[in-house]
Amino acid sequence: MGKLNFEQLTDLFLLLSVDRIGPAKIRNLLARFKKLSNVLSASTSELIETEGISKELASRI
């Protein structure tokens, strides 16, 4: 990921604040969506296509 700007840090903290999401799931999400902002703007159906992301977890994101 390299250095993060303020917006990227904010997005990362938002994701980490979701119960039952950690570094491994964030890595999976980034592998699929490339950017944190893309993860946060993805639909529930897009998110559940990611390994380790259930429908319940996707709805909390």
PDB file of N, CA and C in Angstrom:
ATOM      1  N   MET A   1       0.802  -1.188   0.000  1.00  0.00           N
ATOM      2  CA  MET A   1       0.000   0.000   0.000  1.00  0.00           C
ATOM      3  C   MET A   1       0.851   1.261   0.000  1.00  0.00           C
ATOM      4  N   GLY A   2       2.041   1.220   0.576  1.00  0.00           N
ATOM      5  CA  GLY A   2       2.873   2.409   0.608  1.00  0.00           C
ATOM      6  C   GLY A   2       2.338   3.428   1.603  1.00  0.00           C
ATOM      7  N   LYS A   3       2.739   4.675   1.405  1.00  0.00           N
ATOM      8  CA  LYS A   3       2.277   5.748   2.289  1.00  0.00           C
ATOM      9  C   LYS A   3       0.814   6.073   2.006  1.00  0.00           C
ATOM     10  N   LEU A   4       0.087   6.324   3.078  1.00  0.00           N
ATOM     11  CA  LEU A   4      -1.335   6.640   2.953  1.00  0.00           C
ATOM     12  C   LEU A   4      -1.559   8.126   3.185  1.00  0.00           C
ATOM     13  N   ASN A   5      -2.430   8.713   2.389  1.00  0.00           N
ATOM     14  CA  ASN A   5      -2.811  10.098   2.645  1.00  0.00           C
ATOM     15  C   ASN A   5      -3.938  10.103   3.682  1.00  0.00           C
ATOM     16  N   PHE A   6      -4.377  11.290   4.062  1.00  0.00           N
ATOM     17  CA  PHE A   6      -5.392  11.412   5.108  1.00  0.00           C
ATOM     18  C   PHE A   6      -6.677  10.664   4.752  1.00  0.00           C
ATOM     19  N   GLU A   7      -7.135  10.808   3.515  1.00  0.00           N
ATOM     20  CA  GLU A   7      -8.374  10.141   3.082  1.00  0.00           C
ATOM     21  C   GLU A   7      -8.228   8.621   3.146  1.00  0.00           C
ATOM     22  N   GLN A   8      -7.086   8.108   2.725  1.00  0.00           N
ATOM     23  CA  GLN A   8      -6.860   6.665   2.756  1.00  0.00           C
ATOM     24  C   GLN A   8      -6.792   6.161   4.195  1.00  0.00           C
ATOM     25  N   LEU A   9      -6.153   6.933   5.078  1.00  0.00           N
ATOM     26  CA  LEU A   9      -6.100   6.551   6.492  1.00  0.00           C
ATOM     27  C   LEU A   9      -7.498   6.521   7.098  1.00  0.00           C
ATOM     28  N   THR A  10      -8.300   7.502   6.764  1.00  0.00           N
ATOM     29  CA  THR A  10      -9.677   7.546   7.255  1.00  0.00           C
ATOM     30  C   THR A  10     -10.453   6.319   6.777  1.00  0.00           C
ATOM     31  N   ASP A  11     -10.299   5.975   5.501  1.00  0.00           N
ATOM     32  CA  ASP A  11     -10.966   4.790   4.951  1.00  0.00           C
ATOM     33  C   ASP A  11     -10.501   3.525   5.666  1.00  0.00           C
ATOM     34  N   LEU A  12      -9.196   3.428   5.932  1.00  0.00           N
ATOM     35  CA  LEU A  12      -8.653   2.256   6.619  1.00  0.00           C
ATOM     36  C   LEU A  12      -9.224   2.148   8.029  1.00  0.00           C
ATOM     37  N   PHE A  13      -9.264   3.253   8.761  1.00  0.00           N
ATOM     38  CA  PHE A  13      -9.834   3.231  10.107  1.00  0.00           C
ATOM     39  C   PHE A  13     -11.313   2.853  10.081  1.00  0.00           C
ATOM     40  N   LEU A  14     -12.040   3.325   9.081  1.00  0.00           N
ATOM     41  CA  LEU A  14     -13.452   2.944   8.951  1.00  0.00           C
ATOM     42  C   LEU A  14     -13.591   1.435   8.779  1.00  0.00           C
ATOM     43  N   LEU A  15     -12.774   0.857   7.916  1.00  0.00           N
ATOM     44  CA  LEU A  15     -12.840  -0.593   7.699  1.00  0.00           C
ATOM     45  C   LEU A  15     -12.445  -1.359   8.953  1.00  0.00           C
ATOM     46  N   LEU A  16     -11.388  -0.904   9.632  1.00  0.00           N
ATOM     47  CA  LEU A  16     -10.936  -1.596  10.834  1.00  0.00           C
ATOM     48  C   LEU A  16     -11.937  -1.484  11.981  1.00  0.00           C
ATOM     49  N   SER A  17     -12.818  -0.496  11.929  1.00  0.00           N
ATOM     50  CA  SER A  17     -13.814  -0.339  12.988  1.00  0.00           C
ATOM     51  C   SER A  17     -14.992  -1.304  12.822  1.00  0.00           C
ATOM     52  N   VAL A  18     -15.081  -1.955  11.676  1.00  0.00           N
ATOM     53  CA  VAL A  18     -16.144  -2.929  11.435  1.00  0.00           C
ATOM     54  C   VAL A  18     -15.810  -4.208  12.201  1.00  0.00           C
ATOM     55  N   ASP A  19     -16.752  -4.669  13.025  1.00  0.00           N
ATOM     56  CA  ASP A  19     -16.558  -5.889  13.808  1.00  0.00           C
ATOM     57  C   ASP A  19     -16.278  -7.075  12.887  1.00  0.00           C
ATOM     58  N   ARG A  20     -15.287  -7.899  13.260  1.00  0.00           N
ATOM     59  CA  ARG A  20     -14.897  -9.121  12.548  1.00  0.00           C
ATOM     60  C   ARG A  20     -14.210  -8.859  11.207  1.00  0.00           C
ATOM     61  N   ILE A  21     -13.559  -7.710  11.088  1.00  0.00           N
ATOM     62  CA  ILE A  21     -12.738  -7.483   9.901  1.00  0.00           C
ATOM     63  C   ILE A  21     -11.338  -7.122  10.390  1.00  0.00           C
ATOM     64  N   GLY A  22     -10.360  -7.745   9.788  1.00  0.00           N
ATOM     65  CA  GLY A  22      -8.979  -7.510  10.178  1.00  0.00           C
ATOM     66  C   GLY A  22      -8.085  -7.439   8.962  1.00  0.00           C
ATOM     67  N   PRO A  23      -6.785  -7.502   9.191  1.00  0.00           N
ATOM     68  CA  PRO A  23      -5.826  -7.349   8.096  1.00  0.00           C
ATOM     69  C   PRO A  23      -6.008  -8.338   6.946  1.00  0.00           C
ATOM     70  N   ALA A  24      -6.306  -9.590   7.244  1.00  0.00           N
ATOM     71  CA  ALA A  24      -6.441 -10.593   6.173  1.00  0.00           C
ATOM     72  C   ALA A  24      -7.629 -10.273   5.264  1.00  0.00           C
ATOM     73  N   LYS A  25      -8.752  -9.918   5.851  1.00  0.00           N
ATOM     74  CA  LYS A  25      -9.932  -9.596   5.040  1.00  0.00           C
ATOM     75  C   LYS A  25      -9.725  -8.292   4.280  1.00  0.00           C
ATOM     76  N   ILE A  26      -9.046  -7.344   4.898  1.00  0.00           N
ATOM     77  CA  ILE A  26      -8.746  -6.090   4.196  1.00  0.00           C
ATOM     78  C   ILE A  26      -7.830  -6.366   3.012  1.00  0.00           C
ATOM     79  N   ARG A  27      -6.842  -7.246   3.184  1.00  0.00           N
ATOM     80  CA  ARG A  27      -5.965  -7.625   2.055  1.00  0.00           C
ATOM     81  C   ARG A  27      -6.782  -8.245   0.928  1.00  0.00           C
ATOM     82  N   ASN A  28      -7.712  -9.138   1.268  1.00  0.00           N
ATOM     83  CA  ASN A  28      -8.568  -9.763   0.251  1.00  0.00           C
ATOM     84  C   ASN A  28      -9.405  -8.714  -0.479  1.00  0.00           C
ATOM     85  N   LEU A  29      -9.950  -7.780   0.277  1.00  0.00           N
ATOM     86  CA  LEU A  29     -10.755  -6.720  -0.335  1.00  0.00           C
ATOM     87  C   LEU A  29      -9.908  -5.845  -1.256  1.00  0.00           C
ATOM     88  N   LEU A  30      -8.701  -5.511  -0.810  1.00  0.00           N
ATOM     89  CA  LEU A  30      -7.821  -4.683  -1.640  1.00  0.00           C
ATOM     90  C   LEU A  30      -7.347  -5.429  -2.880  1.00  0.00           C
ATOM     91  N   ALA A  31      -7.157  -6.730  -2.769  1.00  0.00           N
ATOM     92  CA  ALA A  31      -6.761  -7.517  -3.945  1.00  0.00           C
ATOM     93  C   ALA A  31      -7.849  -7.443  -5.010  1.00  0.00           C
ATOM     94  N   ARG A  32      -9.091  -7.406  -4.572  1.00  0.00           N
ATOM     95  CA  ARG A  32     -10.214  -7.351  -5.516  1.00  0.00           C
ATOM     96  C   ARG A  32     -10.522  -5.932  -5.991  1.00  0.00           C
ATOM     97  N   PHE A  33     -10.539  -4.969  -5.062  1.00  0.00           N
ATOM     98  CA  PHE A  33     -11.015  -3.621  -5.389  1.00  0.00           C
ATOM     99  C   PHE A  33      -9.900  -2.594  -5.605  1.00  0.00           C
ATOM    100  N   LYS A  34      -8.669  -2.967  -5.308  1.00  0.00           N
ATOM    101  CA  LYS A  34      -7.467  -2.145  -5.555  1.00  0.00           C
ATOM    102  C   LYS A  34      -7.306  -0.935  -4.637  1.00  0.00           C
ATOM    103  N   LYS A  35      -8.381  -0.258  -4.279  1.00  0.00           N
ATOM    104  CA  LYS A  35      -8.295   0.936  -3.432  1.00  0.00           C
ATOM    105  C   LYS A  35      -9.333   0.854  -2.316  1.00  0.00           C
ATOM    106  N   LEU A  36      -8.980   1.413  -1.146  1.00  0.00           N
ATOM    107  CA  LEU A  36      -9.909   1.423  -0.023  1.00  0.00           C
ATOM    108  C   LEU A  36     -11.210   2.127  -0.374  1.00  0.00           C
ATOM    109  N   SER A  37     -11.122   3.213  -1.114  1.00  0.00           N
ATOM    110  CA  SER A  37     -12.338   3.947  -1.482  1.00  0.00           C
ATOM    111  C   SER A  37     -13.258   3.089  -2.351  1.00  0.00           C
ATOM    112  N   ASN A  38     -12.675   2.221  -3.177  1.00  0.00           N
ATOM    113  CA  ASN A  38     -13.490   1.312  -3.995  1.00  0.00           C
ATOM    114  C   ASN A  38     -14.211   0.290  -3.121  1.00  0.00           C
ATOM    115  N   VAL A  39     -13.535  -0.165  -2.063  1.00  0.00           N
ATOM    116  CA  VAL A  39     -14.160  -1.112  -1.133  1.00  0.00           C
ATOM    117  C   VAL A  39     -15.384  -0.462  -0.495  1.00  0.00           C
ATOM    118  N   LEU A  40     -15.208   0.758  -0.013  1.00  0.00           N
ATOM    119  CA  LEU A  40     -16.286   1.439   0.700  1.00  0.00           C
ATOM    120  C   LEU A  40     -17.453   1.818  -0.203  1.00  0.00           C
ATOM    121  N   SER A  41     -17.210   1.942  -1.486  1.00  0.00           N
ATOM    122  CA  SER A  41     -18.303   2.298  -2.398  1.00  0.00           C
ATOM    123  C   SER A  41     -18.907   1.080  -3.107  1.00  0.00           C
ATOM    124  N   ALA A  42     -18.365  -0.109  -2.840  1.00  0.00           N
ATOM    125  CA  ALA A  42     -18.866  -1.329  -3.480  1.00  0.00           C
ATOM    126  C   ALA A  42     -20.221  -1.728  -2.895  1.00  0.00           C
ATOM    127  N   SER A  43     -21.009  -2.400  -3.711  1.00  0.00           N
ATOM    128  CA  SER A  43     -22.308  -2.903  -3.251  1.00  0.00           C
ATOM    129  C   SER A  43     -22.107  -4.172  -2.422  1.00  0.00           C
ATOM    130  N   THR A  44     -23.133  -4.528  -1.674  1.00  0.00           N
ATOM    131  CA  THR A  44     -23.084  -5.754  -0.877  1.00  0.00           C
ATOM    132  C   THR A  44     -22.820  -6.963  -1.768  1.00  0.00           C
ATOM    133  N   SER A  45     -23.477  -7.030  -2.907  1.00  0.00           N
ATOM    134  CA  SER A  45     -23.287  -8.180  -3.803  1.00  0.00           C
ATOM    135  C   SER A  45     -21.863  -8.236  -4.348  1.00  0.00           C
ATOM    136  N   GLU A  46     -21.246  -7.100  -4.581  1.00  0.00           N
ATOM    137  CA  GLU A  46     -19.847  -7.089  -5.029  1.00  0.00           C
ATOM    138  C   GLU A  46     -18.924  -7.526  -3.901  1.00  0.00           C
ATOM    139  N   LEU A  47     -19.199  -7.064  -2.684  1.00  0.00           N
ATOM    140  CA  LEU A  47     -18.340  -7.391  -1.548  1.00  0.00           C
ATOM    141  C   LEU A  47     -18.356  -8.883  -1.233  1.00  0.00           C
ATOM    142  N   ILE A  48     -19.530  -9.533  -1.317  1.00  0.00           N
ATOM    143  CA  ILE A  48     -19.605 -10.949  -0.937  1.00  0.00           C
ATOM    144  C   ILE A  48     -18.909 -11.864  -1.943  1.00  0.00           C
ATOM    145  N   GLU A  49     -18.518 -11.337  -3.074  1.00  0.00           N
ATOM    146  CA  GLU A  49     -17.729 -12.118  -4.027  1.00  0.00           C
ATOM    147  C   GLU A  49     -16.274 -12.241  -3.580  1.00  0.00           C
ATOM    148  N   THR A  50     -15.914 -11.528  -2.516  1.00  0.00           N
ATOM    149  CA  THR A  50     -14.558 -11.541  -1.983  1.00  0.00           C
ATOM    150  C   THR A  50     -14.429 -12.646  -0.945  1.00  0.00           C
ATOM    151  N   GLU A  51     -13.348 -13.402  -1.001  1.00  0.00           N
ATOM    152  CA  GLU A  51     -13.104 -14.489  -0.052  1.00  0.00           C
ATOM    153  C   GLU A  51     -13.141 -13.964   1.379  1.00  0.00           C
ATOM    154  N   GLY A  52     -13.912 -14.640   2.233  1.00  0.00           N
ATOM    155  CA  GLY A  52     -13.981 -14.300   3.648  1.00  0.00           C
ATOM    156  C   GLY A  52     -15.016 -13.249   4.002  1.00  0.00           C
ATOM    157  N   ILE A  53     -15.717 -12.723   3.002  1.00  0.00           N
ATOM    158  CA  ILE A  53     -16.711 -11.679   3.263  1.00  0.00           C
ATOM    159  C   ILE A  53     -18.112 -12.277   3.120  1.00  0.00           C
ATOM    160  N   SER A  54     -18.796 -12.395   4.251  1.00  0.00           N
ATOM    161  CA  SER A  54     -20.162 -12.927   4.256  1.00  0.00           C
ATOM    162  C   SER A  54     -21.149 -11.812   3.923  1.00  0.00           C
ATOM    163  N   LYS A  55     -22.390 -12.194   3.696  1.00  0.00           N
ATOM    164  CA  LYS A  55     -23.432 -11.205   3.411  1.00  0.00           C
ATOM    165  C   LYS A  55     -23.601 -10.267   4.607  1.00  0.00           C
ATOM    166  N   GLU A  56     -23.570 -10.839   5.809  1.00  0.00           N
ATOM    167  CA  GLU A  56     -23.704 -10.037   7.033  1.00  0.00           C
ATOM    168  C   GLU A  56     -22.564  -9.028   7.159  1.00  0.00           C
ATOM    169  N   LEU A  57     -21.342  -9.489   6.929  1.00  0.00           N
ATOM    170  CA  LEU A  57     -20.186  -8.595   7.022  1.00  0.00           C
ATOM    171  C   LEU A  57     -20.235  -7.533   5.931  1.00  0.00           C
ATOM    172  N   ALA A  58     -20.596  -7.930   4.728  1.00  0.00           N
ATOM    173  CA  ALA A  58     -20.690  -6.981   3.616  1.00  0.00           C
ATOM    174  C   ALA A  58     -21.701  -5.882   3.921  1.00  0.00           C
ATOM    175  N   SER A  59     -22.796  -6.235   4.565  1.00  0.00           N
ATOM    176  CA  SER A  59     -23.809  -5.219   4.872  1.00  0.00           C
ATOM    177  C   SER A  59     -23.316  -4.235   5.929  1.00  0.00           C
ATOM    178  N   ARG A  60     -22.396  -4.669   6.788  1.00  0.00           N
ATOM    179  CA  ARG A  60     -21.835  -3.759   7.798  1.00  0.00           C
ATOM    180  C   ARG A  60     -20.785  -2.835   7.202  1.00  0.00           C
ATOM    181  N   ILE A  61     -20.161  -3.263   6.118  1.00  0.00           N
ATOM    182  CA  ILE A  61     -19.159  -2.419   5.457  1.00  0.00           C
ATOM    183  C   ILE A  61     -19.876  -1.292   4.758  1.00  0.00           C
TER     184      ILE A  61
END
